[in-house]
């Protein structure tokens, strides 16, 4: 079971909303919308994706990493490394 399983429906709803934002962006470009308006919507979609990513990361740490640490052993260290790598990817983006 994944850490986000309890919030799966909320994540799917948010992702569908973001998908709609992306379609709106495509439409804006097709219709030659003003550059700043397109950039504003790109920024909003980016922030929405970042919010999803942070929520997933929080769920992962609170569930998967915490369970591995409670169990102990090499899996615990692996889950911590995995979470650290995910954080590094988010910080770089």
N, C-alpha and C. Protein backbone atom coordinates (compact mmCIF):
# COMPACT_ATOMS: atom_id res chain seq x y z
N UNK A 1 0.85 -1.18 0.00
CA UNK A 1 0.00 0.00 0.00
C UNK A 1 0.89 1.24 0.00
N UNK A 2 0.54 2.22 -0.82
CA UNK A 2 1.32 3.45 -0.92
C UNK A 2 0.84 4.47 0.09
N UNK A 3 1.73 5.38 0.46
CA UNK A 3 1.41 6.41 1.44
C UNK A 3 0.27 7.31 1.02
N UNK A 4 0.07 7.50 -0.27
CA UNK A 4 -0.97 8.41 -0.74
C UNK A 4 -2.32 7.71 -0.91
N UNK A 5 -2.40 6.42 -0.65
CA UNK A 5 -3.62 5.66 -0.92
C UNK A 5 -4.86 6.26 -0.26
N UNK A 6 -4.71 6.77 0.95
CA UNK A 6 -5.85 7.36 1.64
C UNK A 6 -6.34 8.63 0.98
N UNK A 7 -5.47 9.32 0.27
CA UNK A 7 -5.81 10.58 -0.40
C UNK A 7 -5.85 10.43 -1.92
N UNK A 8 -5.92 9.21 -2.39
CA UNK A 8 -5.82 8.96 -3.83
C UNK A 8 -6.85 9.76 -4.62
N UNK A 9 -8.08 9.78 -4.17
CA UNK A 9 -9.13 10.49 -4.90
C UNK A 9 -8.84 11.99 -4.96
N UNK A 10 -8.34 12.55 -3.87
CA UNK A 10 -8.00 13.98 -3.86
C UNK A 10 -6.86 14.27 -4.83
N UNK A 11 -5.87 13.39 -4.87
CA UNK A 11 -4.76 13.57 -5.81
C UNK A 11 -5.26 13.49 -7.25
N UNK A 12 -6.11 12.52 -7.52
CA UNK A 12 -6.64 12.38 -8.88
C UNK A 12 -7.44 13.62 -9.28
N UNK A 13 -8.22 14.14 -8.36
CA UNK A 13 -8.99 15.36 -8.64
C UNK A 13 -8.07 16.53 -8.95
N UNK A 14 -7.03 16.69 -8.15
CA UNK A 14 -6.07 17.77 -8.38
C UNK A 14 -5.36 17.60 -9.72
N UNK A 15 -4.96 16.37 -10.03
CA UNK A 15 -4.27 16.12 -11.30
C UNK A 15 -5.18 16.37 -12.50
N UNK A 16 -6.45 16.04 -12.36
CA UNK A 16 -7.39 16.31 -13.46
C UNK A 16 -7.57 17.82 -13.64
N UNK A 17 -7.58 18.55 -12.54
CA UNK A 17 -7.67 20.01 -12.62
C UNK A 17 -6.44 20.57 -13.33
N UNK A 18 -5.27 20.05 -12.99
CA UNK A 18 -4.03 20.49 -13.64
C UNK A 18 -4.06 20.13 -15.13
N UNK A 19 -4.58 18.96 -15.43
CA UNK A 19 -4.71 18.55 -16.83
C UNK A 19 -5.56 19.57 -17.59
N UNK A 20 -6.63 20.03 -16.97
CA UNK A 20 -7.47 21.06 -17.57
C UNK A 20 -6.71 22.36 -17.77
N UNK A 21 -5.86 22.71 -16.79
CA UNK A 21 -5.04 23.91 -16.93
C UNK A 21 -4.11 23.78 -18.14
N UNK A 22 -3.53 22.62 -18.31
CA UNK A 22 -2.61 22.40 -19.43
C UNK A 22 -3.35 22.50 -20.76
N UNK A 23 -4.55 21.93 -20.82
CA UNK A 23 -5.35 22.05 -22.04
C UNK A 23 -5.68 23.52 -22.31
N UNK A 24 -5.96 24.26 -21.24
CA UNK A 24 -6.22 25.69 -21.38
C UNK A 24 -5.00 26.42 -21.92
N UNK A 25 -3.82 26.03 -21.46
CA UNK A 25 -2.59 26.62 -21.97
C UNK A 25 -2.42 26.34 -23.47
N UNK A 26 -2.69 25.12 -23.86
CA UNK A 26 -2.60 24.78 -25.28
C UNK A 26 -3.54 25.65 -26.10
N UNK A 27 -4.74 25.81 -25.60
CA UNK A 27 -5.74 26.63 -26.29
C UNK A 27 -5.28 28.09 -26.37
N UNK A 28 -4.70 28.59 -25.28
CA UNK A 28 -4.20 29.97 -25.27
C UNK A 28 -3.14 30.17 -26.36
N UNK A 29 -2.23 29.20 -26.46
CA UNK A 29 -1.17 29.31 -27.47
C UNK A 29 -1.77 29.22 -28.87
N UNK A 30 -2.70 28.27 -29.06
CA UNK A 30 -3.35 28.14 -30.37
C UNK A 30 -4.05 29.43 -30.77
N UNK A 31 -4.62 30.13 -29.79
CA UNK A 31 -5.37 31.35 -30.06
C UNK A 31 -4.51 32.61 -29.96
N UNK A 32 -3.19 32.43 -29.90
CA UNK A 32 -2.25 33.55 -29.84
C UNK A 32 -2.53 34.51 -28.68
N UNK A 33 -2.73 33.96 -27.50
CA UNK A 33 -2.97 34.79 -26.32
C UNK A 33 -1.71 35.60 -25.99
N UNK A 34 -1.91 36.66 -25.25
CA UNK A 34 -0.82 37.53 -24.83
C UNK A 34 0.20 36.74 -24.01
N UNK A 35 1.48 36.94 -24.31
CA UNK A 35 2.57 36.17 -23.70
C UNK A 35 2.50 36.14 -22.17
N UNK A 36 2.29 37.30 -21.58
CA UNK A 36 2.27 37.39 -20.12
C UNK A 36 1.11 36.58 -19.55
N UNK A 37 -0.03 36.56 -20.23
CA UNK A 37 -1.16 35.76 -19.77
C UNK A 37 -0.83 34.27 -19.81
N UNK A 38 -0.14 33.84 -20.87
CA UNK A 38 0.27 32.44 -20.98
C UNK A 38 1.26 32.11 -19.87
N UNK A 39 2.24 32.99 -19.67
CA UNK A 39 3.24 32.76 -18.61
C UNK A 39 2.60 32.70 -17.23
N UNK A 40 1.60 33.52 -17.00
CA UNK A 40 0.89 33.50 -15.71
C UNK A 40 0.23 32.15 -15.50
N UNK A 41 -0.37 31.60 -16.55
CA UNK A 41 -1.02 30.30 -16.43
C UNK A 41 -0.01 29.16 -16.30
N UNK A 42 1.14 29.29 -16.96
CA UNK A 42 2.21 28.30 -16.80
C UNK A 42 2.67 28.28 -15.35
N UNK A 43 2.83 29.45 -14.78
CA UNK A 43 3.25 29.56 -13.38
C UNK A 43 2.23 28.91 -12.45
N UNK A 44 0.95 29.14 -12.71
CA UNK A 44 -0.10 28.55 -11.88
C UNK A 44 -0.08 27.02 -11.99
N UNK A 45 0.08 26.50 -13.20
CA UNK A 45 0.13 25.04 -13.38
C UNK A 45 1.36 24.45 -12.71
N UNK A 46 2.48 25.16 -12.79
CA UNK A 46 3.71 24.70 -12.15
C UNK A 46 3.53 24.63 -10.63
N UNK A 47 2.94 25.68 -10.06
CA UNK A 47 2.70 25.68 -8.62
C UNK A 47 1.76 24.56 -8.20
N UNK A 48 0.75 24.30 -9.02
CA UNK A 48 -0.19 23.22 -8.72
C UNK A 48 0.52 21.87 -8.73
N UNK A 49 1.38 21.64 -9.72
CA UNK A 49 2.14 20.39 -9.76
C UNK A 49 3.10 20.28 -8.58
N UNK A 50 3.71 21.38 -8.21
CA UNK A 50 4.61 21.38 -7.04
C UNK A 50 3.84 21.04 -5.77
N UNK A 51 2.63 21.54 -5.65
CA UNK A 51 1.81 21.23 -4.47
C UNK A 51 1.49 19.74 -4.41
N UNK A 52 1.19 19.14 -5.56
CA UNK A 52 0.94 17.69 -5.61
C UNK A 52 2.21 16.95 -5.21
N UNK A 53 3.34 17.37 -5.76
CA UNK A 53 4.61 16.70 -5.45
C UNK A 53 4.93 16.79 -3.96
N UNK A 54 4.73 17.95 -3.37
CA UNK A 54 5.01 18.10 -1.94
C UNK A 54 4.07 17.24 -1.10
N UNK A 55 2.82 17.15 -1.50
CA UNK A 55 1.88 16.29 -0.78
C UNK A 55 2.27 14.83 -0.87
N UNK A 56 2.67 14.40 -2.07
CA UNK A 56 3.11 13.01 -2.25
C UNK A 56 4.37 12.73 -1.43
N UNK A 57 5.28 13.70 -1.41
CA UNK A 57 6.51 13.53 -0.63
C UNK A 57 6.18 13.42 0.86
N UNK A 58 5.29 14.27 1.33
CA UNK A 58 4.90 14.21 2.74
C UNK A 58 4.26 12.87 3.08
N UNK A 59 3.39 12.38 2.18
CA UNK A 59 2.77 11.07 2.40
C UNK A 59 3.82 9.96 2.40
N UNK A 60 4.79 10.07 1.49
CA UNK A 60 5.84 9.05 1.40
C UNK A 60 6.66 9.02 2.69
N UNK A 61 7.04 10.18 3.16
CA UNK A 61 7.85 10.23 4.39
C UNK A 61 7.03 9.74 5.58
N UNK A 62 5.79 10.20 5.66
CA UNK A 62 4.94 9.83 6.79
C UNK A 62 4.53 8.38 6.81
N UNK A 63 4.52 7.73 5.68
CA UNK A 63 4.07 6.34 5.63
C UNK A 63 5.24 5.39 5.32
N UNK A 64 5.76 5.49 4.11
CA UNK A 64 6.77 4.53 3.65
C UNK A 64 8.08 4.63 4.43
N UNK A 65 8.58 5.85 4.58
CA UNK A 65 9.85 6.04 5.28
C UNK A 65 9.68 5.73 6.77
N UNK A 66 8.60 6.23 7.36
CA UNK A 66 8.37 5.97 8.78
C UNK A 66 8.24 4.47 9.06
N UNK A 67 7.50 3.75 8.21
CA UNK A 67 7.37 2.30 8.39
C UNK A 67 8.72 1.60 8.28
N UNK A 68 9.52 2.01 7.30
CA UNK A 68 10.84 1.39 7.12
C UNK A 68 11.74 1.66 8.31
N UNK A 69 11.69 2.87 8.85
CA UNK A 69 12.51 3.20 10.02
C UNK A 69 12.06 2.40 11.23
N UNK A 70 10.75 2.25 11.40
CA UNK A 70 10.25 1.45 12.52
C UNK A 70 10.65 -0.01 12.40
N UNK A 71 10.71 -0.51 11.16
CA UNK A 71 11.11 -1.89 10.92
C UNK A 71 12.62 -2.05 11.09
N UNK A 72 13.35 -1.02 10.66
CA UNK A 72 14.81 -1.05 10.77
C UNK A 72 15.46 -1.80 9.64
N UNK A 73 16.75 -1.99 9.76
CA UNK A 73 17.50 -2.73 8.75
C UNK A 73 17.88 -1.87 7.57
N UNK A 74 18.43 -2.53 6.54
CA UNK A 74 18.93 -1.79 5.36
C UNK A 74 17.82 -1.07 4.59
N UNK A 75 16.60 -1.58 4.68
CA UNK A 75 15.49 -0.93 3.97
C UNK A 75 15.26 0.48 4.52
N UNK A 76 15.47 0.68 5.79
CA UNK A 76 15.28 2.00 6.39
C UNK A 76 16.22 3.01 5.76
N UNK A 77 17.49 2.65 5.66
CA UNK A 77 18.47 3.56 5.06
C UNK A 77 18.15 3.81 3.59
N UNK A 78 17.69 2.79 2.90
CA UNK A 78 17.34 2.93 1.49
C UNK A 78 16.18 3.90 1.31
N UNK A 79 15.16 3.79 2.17
CA UNK A 79 14.01 4.69 2.07
C UNK A 79 14.40 6.13 2.38
N UNK A 80 15.30 6.33 3.33
CA UNK A 80 15.77 7.68 3.65
C UNK A 80 16.54 8.26 2.46
N UNK A 81 17.42 7.45 1.84
CA UNK A 81 18.15 7.90 0.65
C UNK A 81 17.19 8.24 -0.49
N UNK A 82 16.19 7.41 -0.66
CA UNK A 82 15.20 7.61 -1.70
C UNK A 82 14.45 8.94 -1.48
N UNK A 83 14.05 9.19 -0.25
CA UNK A 83 13.35 10.44 0.07
C UNK A 83 14.27 11.64 -0.13
N UNK A 84 15.52 11.51 0.26
CA UNK A 84 16.49 12.60 0.07
C UNK A 84 16.68 12.90 -1.41
N UNK A 85 16.74 11.88 -2.23
CA UNK A 85 16.90 12.08 -3.67
C UNK A 85 15.66 12.77 -4.26
N UNK A 86 14.49 12.39 -3.76
CA UNK A 86 13.24 13.02 -4.24
C UNK A 86 13.23 14.50 -3.85
N UNK A 87 13.66 14.80 -2.64
CA UNK A 87 13.73 16.20 -2.19
C UNK A 87 14.70 16.98 -3.07
N UNK A 88 15.84 16.38 -3.36
CA UNK A 88 16.84 17.05 -4.21
C UNK A 88 16.25 17.34 -5.59
N UNK A 89 15.50 16.39 -6.14
CA UNK A 89 14.88 16.63 -7.46
C UNK A 89 13.88 17.77 -7.40
N UNK A 90 13.10 17.83 -6.34
CA UNK A 90 12.12 18.90 -6.20
C UNK A 90 12.78 20.25 -6.03
N UNK A 91 13.89 20.29 -5.31
CA UNK A 91 14.58 21.55 -5.08
C UNK A 91 15.20 22.07 -6.38
N UNK A 92 15.69 21.15 -7.20
CA UNK A 92 16.30 21.55 -8.48
C UNK A 92 15.27 22.03 -9.49
N UNK A 93 14.04 21.57 -9.37
CA UNK A 93 13.03 21.93 -10.38
C UNK A 93 12.45 23.30 -10.16
